[in-house]
Amino acid sequence: MLSPRHHDSDPRGPSPSSQRPDRPPGGYTVLVVDDEEAVRRLACRMLTWTGYQALEARHGREALATIEEHAGPVHLVLTDIKMPGMNGRELGRHVEARWPGKPILYMSGFASEVFRGGLLEPGEPFLAKPFTQDDLASKVRALLE
């Protein structure tokens, strides 16, 4: 099994004035789960540019292993919904059962199918693809802070 790629935010870390007591040094860590490499890497870059640390996983099983094996906490999971094997909603259920309270942000390029098909309930955290860096940062910030 390949180890997940880790994308660090600014190596200097956040300025002292931007650190909050509940925020670990270096910022929050977000795990990006998507079977499409280009989307996964772009989301990781966007998060890094925004000041977060980003980890990536290609599928649900790898995501669960990453959360367990990562040296520090994973503060939020950003997952695609439509993936082969374990879909994003199934991953979300596993995360909710094992790590209650860990925020999960779902994303998909098929928003109407996701809600019409009942994969997500209205009101669950959701980000439609394609998204901008501002869209992503705003959703992540709302769930973490």
N, C-alpha and C. Protein backbone atom coordinates (compact mmCIF):
# COMPACT_ATOMS: atom_id res chain seq x y z
N MET A 1 0.85 -1.18 0.00
CA MET A 1 0.00 0.00 0.00
C MET A 1 0.89 1.24 0.00
N LEU A 2 0.60 2.16 -0.85
CA LEU A 2 1.36 3.39 -0.90
C LEU A 2 0.97 4.29 0.25
N SER A 3 1.95 5.00 0.79
CA SER A 3 1.61 5.93 1.86
C SER A 3 0.99 7.18 1.26
N PRO A 4 0.10 7.83 1.99
CA PRO A 4 -0.56 9.02 1.44
C PRO A 4 0.44 10.16 1.31
N ARG A 5 0.20 10.99 0.34
CA ARG A 5 1.05 12.17 0.16
C ARG A 5 0.63 13.20 1.20
N HIS A 6 1.59 13.93 1.68
CA HIS A 6 1.36 14.95 2.70
C HIS A 6 1.78 16.29 2.12
N HIS A 7 0.91 17.25 2.17
CA HIS A 7 1.18 18.59 1.66
C HIS A 7 1.21 19.53 2.84
N ASP A 8 2.37 20.11 3.14
CA ASP A 8 2.48 21.04 4.26
C ASP A 8 2.09 22.43 3.85
N SER A 9 1.54 23.16 4.79
CA SER A 9 1.29 24.57 4.57
C SER A 9 2.62 25.31 4.70
N ASP A 10 2.58 26.60 4.73
CA ASP A 10 3.78 27.43 4.82
C ASP A 10 4.70 26.88 5.90
N PRO A 11 5.97 26.54 5.57
CA PRO A 11 6.87 25.95 6.56
C PRO A 11 7.13 26.86 7.75
N ARG A 12 6.91 28.16 7.59
CA ARG A 12 7.09 29.08 8.71
C ARG A 12 5.92 28.99 9.69
N GLY A 13 4.82 28.36 9.25
CA GLY A 13 3.64 28.24 10.10
C GLY A 13 2.87 29.54 10.14
N PRO A 14 1.72 29.53 10.80
CA PRO A 14 0.90 30.74 10.88
C PRO A 14 1.56 31.75 11.81
N SER A 15 1.24 32.99 11.61
CA SER A 15 1.79 34.02 12.49
C SER A 15 1.18 33.86 13.87
N PRO A 16 1.91 34.25 14.92
CA PRO A 16 1.39 34.08 16.28
C PRO A 16 0.01 34.70 16.47
N SER A 17 -0.26 35.81 15.80
CA SER A 17 -1.56 36.46 15.98
C SER A 17 -2.70 35.66 15.37
N SER A 18 -2.38 34.76 14.40
CA SER A 18 -3.45 34.00 13.76
C SER A 18 -3.70 32.66 14.44
N GLN A 19 -2.85 32.28 15.41
CA GLN A 19 -3.04 31.00 16.07
C GLN A 19 -4.12 31.12 17.13
N ARG A 20 -4.97 30.08 17.17
CA ARG A 20 -5.99 30.00 18.20
C ARG A 20 -5.55 28.90 19.16
N PRO A 21 -5.96 28.94 20.42
CA PRO A 21 -5.54 27.92 21.37
C PRO A 21 -5.90 26.50 20.95
N ASP A 22 -7.05 26.30 20.28
CA ASP A 22 -7.46 24.96 19.89
C ASP A 22 -6.90 24.56 18.53
N ARG A 23 -6.11 25.42 17.93
CA ARG A 23 -5.55 25.15 16.62
C ARG A 23 -4.11 24.69 16.79
N PRO A 24 -3.76 23.50 16.32
CA PRO A 24 -2.40 23.01 16.50
C PRO A 24 -1.41 23.83 15.70
N PRO A 25 -0.13 23.83 16.12
CA PRO A 25 0.88 24.54 15.34
C PRO A 25 0.87 24.03 13.90
N GLY A 26 0.94 24.93 12.95
CA GLY A 26 0.93 24.52 11.54
C GLY A 26 -0.46 24.46 10.95
N GLY A 27 -1.50 24.63 11.76
CA GLY A 27 -2.85 24.66 11.22
C GLY A 27 -3.58 23.34 11.30
N TYR A 28 -4.76 23.35 10.76
CA TYR A 28 -5.60 22.15 10.74
C TYR A 28 -5.16 21.22 9.62
N THR A 29 -5.43 19.94 9.81
CA THR A 29 -5.11 18.93 8.80
C THR A 29 -6.41 18.44 8.17
N VAL A 30 -6.46 18.46 6.84
CA VAL A 30 -7.62 18.02 6.08
C VAL A 30 -7.21 16.85 5.21
N LEU A 31 -7.99 15.78 5.25
CA LEU A 31 -7.78 14.61 4.40
C LEU A 31 -8.69 14.73 3.19
N VAL A 32 -8.09 14.73 2.00
CA VAL A 32 -8.84 14.82 0.74
C VAL A 32 -8.92 13.42 0.14
N VAL A 33 -10.15 12.95 -0.10
CA VAL A 33 -10.37 11.61 -0.64
C VAL A 33 -11.11 11.73 -1.96
N ASP A 34 -10.44 11.31 -3.04
CA ASP A 34 -11.04 11.35 -4.37
C ASP A 34 -10.29 10.37 -5.26
N ASP A 35 -11.02 9.60 -6.04
CA ASP A 35 -10.37 8.64 -6.94
C ASP A 35 -9.76 9.31 -8.16
N GLU A 36 -10.13 10.55 -8.43
CA GLU A 36 -9.56 11.29 -9.56
C GLU A 36 -8.34 12.06 -9.07
N GLU A 37 -7.16 11.65 -9.55
CA GLU A 37 -5.91 12.24 -9.08
C GLU A 37 -5.85 13.75 -9.28
N ALA A 38 -6.26 14.24 -10.44
CA ALA A 38 -6.18 15.67 -10.72
C ALA A 38 -7.02 16.48 -9.73
N VAL A 39 -8.22 16.02 -9.45
CA VAL A 39 -9.11 16.72 -8.51
C VAL A 39 -8.51 16.68 -7.11
N ARG A 40 -8.03 15.50 -6.71
CA ARG A 40 -7.45 15.32 -5.38
C ARG A 40 -6.25 16.25 -5.18
N ARG A 41 -5.36 16.26 -6.14
CA ARG A 41 -4.15 17.09 -6.03
C ARG A 41 -4.49 18.58 -6.03
N LEU A 42 -5.43 18.98 -6.87
CA LEU A 42 -5.82 20.39 -6.92
C LEU A 42 -6.45 20.82 -5.59
N ALA A 43 -7.32 20.00 -5.04
CA ALA A 43 -7.93 20.32 -3.74
C ALA A 43 -6.86 20.44 -2.66
N CYS A 44 -5.87 19.54 -2.69
CA CYS A 44 -4.78 19.61 -1.72
C CYS A 44 -4.00 20.92 -1.87
N ARG A 45 -3.71 21.30 -3.11
CA ARG A 45 -2.98 22.55 -3.34
C ARG A 45 -3.80 23.75 -2.85
N MET A 46 -5.08 23.75 -3.16
CA MET A 46 -5.93 24.86 -2.71
C MET A 46 -5.94 24.97 -1.19
N LEU A 47 -6.03 23.83 -0.51
CA LEU A 47 -6.03 23.84 0.95
C LEU A 47 -4.70 24.34 1.49
N THR A 48 -3.60 23.89 0.89
CA THR A 48 -2.28 24.32 1.31
C THR A 48 -2.11 25.83 1.13
N TRP A 49 -2.55 26.33 -0.01
CA TRP A 49 -2.46 27.77 -0.27
C TRP A 49 -3.28 28.57 0.74
N THR A 50 -4.31 27.95 1.28
CA THR A 50 -5.18 28.62 2.25
C THR A 50 -4.64 28.51 3.67
N GLY A 51 -3.59 27.70 3.87
CA GLY A 51 -2.97 27.59 5.19
C GLY A 51 -3.24 26.30 5.93
N TYR A 52 -3.91 25.36 5.29
CA TYR A 52 -4.17 24.07 5.92
C TYR A 52 -3.09 23.08 5.53
N GLN A 53 -2.94 22.03 6.31
CA GLN A 53 -2.12 20.89 5.92
C GLN A 53 -3.06 19.92 5.22
N ALA A 54 -2.60 19.30 4.15
CA ALA A 54 -3.47 18.41 3.39
C ALA A 54 -2.83 17.04 3.24
N LEU A 55 -3.64 16.03 3.47
CA LEU A 55 -3.29 14.64 3.20
C LEU A 55 -4.20 14.18 2.08
N GLU A 56 -3.81 13.14 1.38
CA GLU A 56 -4.69 12.65 0.32
C GLU A 56 -4.79 11.14 0.37
N ALA A 57 -5.95 10.65 -0.08
CA ALA A 57 -6.22 9.22 -0.20
C ALA A 57 -7.03 9.01 -1.46
N ARG A 58 -6.80 7.86 -2.10
CA ARG A 58 -7.45 7.56 -3.38
C ARG A 58 -8.82 6.92 -3.22
N HIS A 59 -9.10 6.34 -2.06
CA HIS A 59 -10.37 5.64 -1.86
C HIS A 59 -10.65 5.52 -0.36
N GLY A 60 -11.81 5.00 -0.04
CA GLY A 60 -12.26 4.94 1.34
C GLY A 60 -11.37 4.14 2.27
N ARG A 61 -10.94 2.96 1.84
CA ARG A 61 -10.09 2.14 2.71
C ARG A 61 -8.77 2.86 3.03
N GLU A 62 -8.20 3.48 2.00
CA GLU A 62 -6.95 4.22 2.21
C GLU A 62 -7.19 5.41 3.14
N ALA A 63 -8.34 6.04 3.03
CA ALA A 63 -8.67 7.17 3.90
C ALA A 63 -8.74 6.74 5.37
N LEU A 64 -9.41 5.64 5.64
CA LEU A 64 -9.52 5.15 7.02
C LEU A 64 -8.14 4.82 7.58
N ALA A 65 -7.29 4.18 6.77
CA ALA A 65 -5.93 3.85 7.21
C ALA A 65 -5.13 5.13 7.47
N THR A 66 -5.31 6.13 6.64
CA THR A 66 -4.58 7.39 6.80
C THR A 66 -4.96 8.07 8.11
N ILE A 67 -6.24 8.09 8.43
CA ILE A 67 -6.68 8.71 9.68
C ILE A 67 -6.06 7.98 10.87
N GLU A 68 -6.05 6.66 10.82
CA GLU A 68 -5.50 5.87 11.92
C GLU A 68 -3.99 6.02 12.04
N GLU A 69 -3.29 6.07 10.91
CA GLU A 69 -1.83 6.02 10.92
C GLU A 69 -1.15 7.39 10.96
N HIS A 70 -1.87 8.45 10.65
CA HIS A 70 -1.25 9.78 10.63
C HIS A 70 -0.79 10.15 12.04
N ALA A 71 0.41 10.71 12.14
CA ALA A 71 1.00 11.02 13.44
C ALA A 71 0.17 12.02 14.25
N GLY A 72 -0.45 12.96 13.58
CA GLY A 72 -1.26 13.96 14.28
C GLY A 72 -2.73 13.76 13.96
N PRO A 73 -3.56 14.63 14.50
CA PRO A 73 -4.99 14.50 14.22
C PRO A 73 -5.35 14.92 12.79
N VAL A 74 -6.35 14.28 12.26
CA VAL A 74 -6.97 14.71 11.00
C VAL A 74 -8.24 15.42 11.44
N HIS A 75 -8.32 16.71 11.16
CA HIS A 75 -9.41 17.52 11.69
C HIS A 75 -10.68 17.48 10.85
N LEU A 76 -10.54 17.21 9.54
CA LEU A 76 -11.70 17.21 8.66
C LEU A 76 -11.43 16.27 7.50
N VAL A 77 -12.48 15.60 7.03
CA VAL A 77 -12.39 14.74 5.84
C VAL A 77 -13.20 15.40 4.73
N LEU A 78 -12.55 15.63 3.60
CA LEU A 78 -13.19 16.14 2.39
C LEU A 78 -13.24 14.97 1.42
N THR A 79 -14.42 14.46 1.12
CA THR A 79 -14.51 13.26 0.30
C THR A 79 -15.48 13.41 -0.87
N ASP A 80 -15.04 12.86 -2.00
CA ASP A 80 -15.93 12.73 -3.14
C ASP A 80 -17.01 11.71 -2.77
N ILE A 81 -18.16 11.83 -3.35
CA ILE A 81 -19.23 10.88 -3.05
C ILE A 81 -19.17 9.68 -3.97
N LYS A 82 -18.98 9.92 -5.26
CA LYS A 82 -18.98 8.82 -6.23
C LYS A 82 -17.56 8.31 -6.43
N MET A 83 -17.27 7.18 -5.79
CA MET A 83 -15.98 6.52 -5.93
C MET A 83 -16.22 5.02 -6.04
N PRO A 84 -15.33 4.31 -6.73
CA PRO A 84 -15.48 2.86 -6.79
C PRO A 84 -15.23 2.24 -5.42
N GLY A 85 -15.82 1.08 -5.20
CA GLY A 85 -15.66 0.43 -3.90
C GLY A 85 -16.51 1.15 -2.87
N MET A 86 -15.88 1.60 -1.81
CA MET A 86 -16.57 2.33 -0.76
C MET A 86 -16.83 3.76 -1.24
N ASN A 87 -18.11 4.14 -1.38
CA ASN A 87 -18.38 5.51 -1.82
C ASN A 87 -18.19 6.49 -0.66
N GLY A 88 -18.25 7.76 -0.96
CA GLY A 88 -17.99 8.77 0.06
C GLY A 88 -18.96 8.75 1.22
N ARG A 89 -20.22 8.43 0.96
CA ARG A 89 -21.20 8.36 2.05
C ARG A 89 -20.89 7.20 2.98
N GLU A 90 -20.50 6.06 2.40
CA GLU A 90 -20.11 4.91 3.23
C GLU A 90 -18.88 5.26 4.07
N LEU A 91 -17.92 5.93 3.45
CA LEU A 91 -16.74 6.38 4.20
C LEU A 91 -17.19 7.29 5.34
N GLY A 92 -18.09 8.21 5.05
CA GLY A 92 -18.59 9.11 6.09
C GLY A 92 -19.20 8.36 7.26
N ARG A 93 -19.95 7.32 6.97
CA ARG A 93 -20.56 6.53 8.05
C ARG A 93 -19.49 5.85 8.91
N HIS A 94 -18.45 5.33 8.27
CA HIS A 94 -17.34 4.71 9.02
C HIS A 94 -16.64 5.75 9.90
N VAL A 95 -16.38 6.92 9.33
CA VAL A 95 -15.71 7.99 10.09
C VAL A 95 -16.59 8.41 11.26
N GLU A 96 -17.88 8.62 11.02
CA GLU A 96 -18.80 9.03 12.09
C GLU A 96 -18.85 7.99 13.21
N ALA A 97 -18.79 6.71 12.86
CA ALA A 97 -18.85 5.65 13.87
C ALA A 97 -17.56 5.56 14.68
N ARG A 98 -16.42 5.72 14.02
CA ARG A 98 -15.13 5.55 14.70
C ARG A 98 -14.61 6.83 15.34
N TRP A 99 -14.93 7.97 14.76
CA TRP A 99 -14.46 9.26 15.27
C TRP A 99 -15.64 10.22 15.33
N PRO A 100 -16.55 10.02 16.27
CA PRO A 100 -17.73 10.89 16.36
C PRO A 100 -17.33 12.36 16.46
N GLY A 101 -18.04 13.18 15.73
CA GLY A 101 -17.79 14.62 15.78
C GLY A 101 -16.78 15.12 14.76
N LYS A 102 -16.07 14.22 14.08
CA LYS A 102 -15.10 14.66 13.07
C LYS A 102 -15.89 15.19 11.88
N PRO A 103 -15.64 16.43 11.48
CA PRO A 103 -16.39 17.00 10.36
C PRO A 103 -16.08 16.30 9.04
N ILE A 104 -17.11 16.13 8.23
CA ILE A 104 -16.99 15.53 6.91
C ILE A 104 -17.65 16.48 5.92
N LEU A 105 -16.91 16.83 4.88
CA LEU A 105 -17.43 17.68 3.81
C LEU A 105 -17.48 16.82 2.56
N TYR A 106 -18.67 16.64 2.02
CA TYR A 106 -18.86 15.82 0.82
C TYR A 106 -18.77 16.71 -0.41
N MET A 107 -18.24 16.14 -1.50
CA MET A 107 -18.18 16.88 -2.76
C MET A 107 -18.57 15.96 -3.91
N SER A 108 -19.11 16.58 -4.96
CA SER A 108 -19.49 15.82 -6.15
C SER A 108 -19.74 16.78 -7.30
N GLY A 109 -19.51 16.26 -8.49
CA GLY A 109 -19.86 17.00 -9.70
C GLY A 109 -21.27 16.70 -10.15
N PHE A 110 -21.99 15.89 -9.37
CA PHE A 110 -23.34 15.45 -9.73
C PHE A 110 -24.30 15.80 -8.60
N ALA A 111 -24.38 17.08 -8.26
CA ALA A 111 -25.16 17.51 -7.10
C ALA A 111 -26.62 17.06 -7.15
N SER A 112 -27.26 17.20 -8.30
CA SER A 112 -28.67 16.83 -8.37
C SER A 112 -28.86 15.34 -8.12
N GLU A 113 -27.98 14.51 -8.65
CA GLU A 113 -28.07 13.06 -8.41
C GLU A 113 -27.85 12.72 -6.94
N VAL A 114 -26.93 13.42 -6.31
CA VAL A 114 -26.60 13.14 -4.91
C VAL A 114 -27.81 13.34 -4.02
N PHE A 115 -28.50 14.46 -4.19
CA PHE A 115 -29.65 14.74 -3.32
C PHE A 115 -30.91 14.02 -3.79
N ARG A 116 -31.12 13.97 -5.10
CA ARG A 116 -32.30 13.28 -5.62
C ARG A 116 -32.20 11.78 -5.34
N GLY A 117 -30.99 11.24 -5.42
CA GLY A 117 -30.79 9.82 -5.18
C GLY A 117 -30.71 9.44 -3.72
N GLY A 118 -30.76 10.42 -2.82
CA GLY A 118 -30.77 10.13 -1.40
C GLY A 118 -29.42 9.79 -0.80
N LEU A 119 -28.33 10.03 -1.54
CA LEU A 119 -27.01 9.76 -0.96
C LEU A 119 -26.71 10.69 0.20
N LEU A 120 -27.18 11.93 0.10
CA LEU A 120 -27.02 12.89 1.19
C LEU A 120 -28.37 13.49 1.53
N GLU A 121 -28.52 13.83 2.78
CA GLU A 121 -29.72 14.52 3.23
C GLU A 121 -29.51 16.02 3.03
N PRO A 122 -30.57 16.76 2.72
CA PRO A 122 -30.44 18.21 2.63
C PRO A 122 -29.85 18.76 3.93
N GLY A 123 -28.93 19.69 3.79
CA GLY A 123 -28.30 20.29 4.96
C GLY A 123 -26.97 19.68 5.34
N GLU A 124 -26.65 18.49 4.80
CA GLU A 124 -25.34 17.92 5.09
C GLU A 124 -24.29 18.74 4.36
N PRO A 125 -23.10 18.90 4.96
CA PRO A 125 -22.06 19.72 4.33
C PRO A 125 -21.71 19.21 2.94
N PHE A 126 -21.83 20.08 1.94
CA PHE A 126 -21.65 19.66 0.55
C PHE A 126 -20.98 20.77 -0.25
N LEU A 127 -20.09 20.37 -1.15
CA LEU A 127 -19.38 21.28 -2.04
C LEU A 127 -19.53 20.74 -3.46
N ALA A 128 -20.12 21.54 -4.33
CA ALA A 128 -20.33 21.12 -5.72
C ALA A 128 -19.05 21.34 -6.53
N LYS A 129 -18.70 20.34 -7.34
CA LYS A 129 -17.58 20.47 -8.28
C LYS A 129 -18.13 21.03 -9.58
N PRO A 130 -17.39 21.83 -10.29
CA PRO A 130 -16.09 22.39 -9.90
C PRO A 130 -16.28 23.48 -8.85
N PHE A 131 -15.23 23.70 -8.07
CA PHE A 131 -15.29 24.73 -7.03
C PHE A 131 -14.04 25.60 -7.10
N THR A 132 -14.15 26.78 -6.52
CA THR A 132 -13.01 27.69 -6.46
C THR A 132 -12.29 27.52 -5.13
N GLN A 133 -11.12 28.11 -5.05
CA GLN A 133 -10.38 28.08 -3.79
C GLN A 133 -11.19 28.77 -2.69
N ASP A 134 -11.85 29.86 -3.02
CA ASP A 134 -12.67 30.56 -2.03
C ASP A 134 -13.84 29.71 -1.56
N ASP A 135 -14.49 28.99 -2.49
CA ASP A 135 -15.60 28.10 -2.12
C ASP A 135 -15.11 27.04 -1.13
N LEU A 136 -13.99 26.41 -1.47
CA LEU A 136 -13.44 25.34 -0.63
C LEU A 136 -13.04 25.90 0.74
N ALA A 137 -12.30 26.99 0.75
CA ALA A 137 -11.83 27.57 2.01
C ALA A 137 -13.00 27.97 2.90
N SER A 138 -14.03 28.54 2.32
CA SER A 138 -15.19 28.97 3.09
C SER A 138 -15.90 27.79 3.75
N LYS A 139 -16.11 26.71 2.99
CA LYS A 139 -16.79 25.53 3.54
C LYS A 139 -15.96 24.87 4.63
N VAL A 140 -14.65 24.73 4.39
CA VAL A 140 -13.77 24.10 5.37
C VAL A 140 -13.72 24.94 6.64
N ARG A 141 -13.54 26.23 6.49
CA ARG A 141 -13.47 27.14 7.64
C ARG A 141 -14.75 27.05 8.47
N ALA A 142 -15.90 27.02 7.81
CA ALA A 142 -17.18 26.96 8.52
C ALA A 142 -17.30 25.69 9.36
N LEU A 143 -16.72 24.60 8.89
CA LEU A 143 -16.81 23.34 9.63
C LEU A 143 -15.77 23.23 10.74
N LEU A 144 -14.66 23.92 10.60
CA LEU A 144 -13.57 23.79 11.58
C LEU A 144 -13.58 24.87 12.66
N GLU A 145 -14.08 26.04 12.33
CA GLU A 145 -13.92 27.14 13.29
C GLU A 145 -15.24 27.62 13.83
